């Protein structure tokens, strides 16, 4: 079950980050709807999968639930900021460079402290 649940982490993070964005700008409706969608999918899929697969079924239901929340939030964010899904999901070279520069700066500071 743990390996199955690892796949939920990506979708869960999308839901948490984008949901927090909408909460911060006062649009609580979107994360609430996402949560309700996830809850509904989780309950229905648990009723179907647990009798057949046991704990693995519960884990699979959680993955489906978080995935649906993540997809709903990402699509909602895409329309809210008027951008493409590609630009949201595929990092641009400038973003990769900024990330690697930040990591390198952090590592240099850690070396200087030792």
Protein backbone atom coordinates (compact mmCIF):
# COMPACT_ATOMS: atom_id res chain seq x y z
CA UNK A 1 0.00 0.00 0.00
CA UNK A 2 2.85 2.44 0.76
CA UNK A 3 4.25 2.26 -2.76
CA UNK A 4 0.79 2.93 -4.18
CA UNK A 5 0.38 5.92 -1.85
CA UNK A 6 3.66 7.44 -3.03
CA UNK A 7 1.91 8.27 -6.31
CA UNK A 8 -0.61 10.35 -4.36
CA UNK A 9 2.11 12.71 -3.14
CA UNK A 10 2.43 14.61 -6.42
CA UNK A 11 -1.29 15.21 -6.76
CA UNK A 12 -1.64 16.00 -3.07
CA UNK A 13 1.05 18.66 -3.33
CA UNK A 14 -0.64 20.24 -6.35
CA UNK A 15 -3.90 20.34 -4.41
CA UNK A 16 -2.26 21.85 -1.31
CA UNK A 17 -0.20 24.49 -3.15
CA UNK A 18 -2.86 25.63 -5.59
CA UNK A 19 -5.58 25.36 -2.95
CA UNK A 20 -3.54 27.62 -0.68
CA UNK A 21 -3.15 30.11 -3.52
CA UNK A 22 -6.91 30.32 -3.99
CA UNK A 23 -7.48 30.60 -0.23
CA UNK A 24 -4.95 33.45 -0.07
CA UNK A 25 -6.77 35.43 -2.74
CA UNK A 26 -10.14 34.81 -1.10
CA UNK A 27 -11.48 32.17 -3.51
CA UNK A 28 -12.16 29.41 -1.00
CA UNK A 29 -14.82 27.90 -3.23
CA UNK A 30 -12.25 26.19 -5.46
CA UNK A 31 -10.33 24.24 -2.77
CA UNK A 32 -13.63 23.36 -1.08
CA UNK A 33 -15.06 21.98 -4.33
CA UNK A 34 -11.81 20.10 -4.95
CA UNK A 35 -12.03 18.58 -1.48
CA UNK A 36 -15.64 17.56 -2.00
CA UNK A 37 -14.77 15.95 -5.33
CA UNK A 38 -11.93 14.05 -3.68
CA UNK A 39 -14.10 12.98 -0.76
CA UNK A 40 -16.83 11.71 -3.06
CA UNK A 41 -14.39 9.74 -5.20
CA UNK A 42 -12.68 8.34 -2.12
CA UNK A 43 -15.90 7.11 -0.53
CA UNK A 44 -17.24 5.54 -3.73
CA UNK A 45 -13.96 3.93 -4.71
CA UNK A 46 -13.39 2.64 -1.16
CA UNK A 47 -16.76 0.92 -1.27
CA UNK A 48 -15.73 -0.77 -4.51
CA UNK A 49 -12.03 -1.53 -4.00
CA UNK A 50 -11.66 -2.41 -0.30
CA UNK A 51 -13.83 -5.55 -0.45
CA UNK A 52 -11.80 -6.74 -3.45
CA UNK A 53 -8.26 -5.50 -2.73
CA UNK A 54 -8.23 -4.74 1.00
CA UNK A 55 -5.56 -2.22 2.04
CA UNK A 56 -4.33 -1.92 -1.53
CA UNK A 57 -7.83 -0.90 -2.56
CA UNK A 58 -7.88 1.80 0.11
CA UNK A 59 -4.51 3.07 -1.09
CA UNK A 60 -5.68 3.08 -4.71
CA UNK A 61 -8.80 5.00 -3.67
CA UNK A 62 -6.63 7.61 -1.98
CA UNK A 63 -4.50 7.99 -5.10
CA UNK A 64 -7.61 8.48 -7.24
CA UNK A 65 -9.00 10.96 -4.74
CA UNK A 66 -5.86 13.09 -4.55
CA UNK A 67 -5.37 12.90 -8.30
CA UNK A 68 -8.88 14.26 -8.90
CA UNK A 69 -8.30 17.09 -6.39
CA UNK A 70 -4.99 17.96 -8.02
CA UNK A 71 -6.40 17.96 -11.54
CA UNK A 72 -9.35 20.12 -10.53
CA UNK A 73 -7.09 22.65 -8.80
CA UNK A 74 -4.54 22.79 -11.63
CA UNK A 75 -7.24 23.28 -14.27
CA UNK A 76 -8.93 25.94 -12.12
CA UNK A 77 -5.59 27.71 -11.65
CA UNK A 78 -4.92 27.55 -15.37
CA UNK A 79 -8.15 29.42 -16.08
CA UNK A 80 -7.69 31.84 -13.17
CA UNK A 81 -4.30 33.05 -14.38
CA UNK A 82 -5.03 32.55 -18.09
CA UNK A 83 -2.06 30.36 -18.95
CA UNK A 84 -1.49 27.04 -20.66
CA UNK A 85 -1.24 23.68 -18.94
CA UNK A 86 2.11 23.19 -20.65
CA UNK A 87 3.58 26.28 -18.99
CA UNK A 88 2.28 25.07 -15.62
CA UNK A 89 3.53 21.51 -15.86
CA UNK A 90 6.79 21.80 -17.82
CA UNK A 91 9.52 23.95 -16.27
CA UNK A 92 11.11 26.61 -18.46
CA UNK A 93 14.90 26.84 -18.73
CA UNK A 94 14.92 30.09 -16.70
CA UNK A 95 13.09 28.31 -13.85
CA UNK A 96 15.54 25.40 -13.90
CA UNK A 97 18.48 27.82 -13.89
CA UNK A 98 17.03 29.79 -10.98
CA UNK A 99 16.50 26.57 -9.04
CA UNK A 100 20.02 25.27 -9.64
CA UNK A 101 21.51 28.69 -8.80
CA UNK A 102 19.55 28.74 -5.55
CA UNK A 103 20.71 25.25 -4.63
CA UNK A 104 24.32 26.13 -5.45
CA UNK A 105 24.14 29.32 -3.34
CA UNK A 106 22.69 27.37 -0.43
CA UNK A 107 25.44 24.75 -0.66
CA UNK A 108 28.13 27.46 -0.75
CA UNK A 109 26.72 29.06 2.41
CA UNK A 110 26.68 25.69 4.17
CA UNK A 111 30.32 25.06 3.25
CA UNK A 112 31.32 28.49 4.59
CA UNK A 113 29.68 27.74 7.96
CA UNK A 114 31.70 24.55 8.47
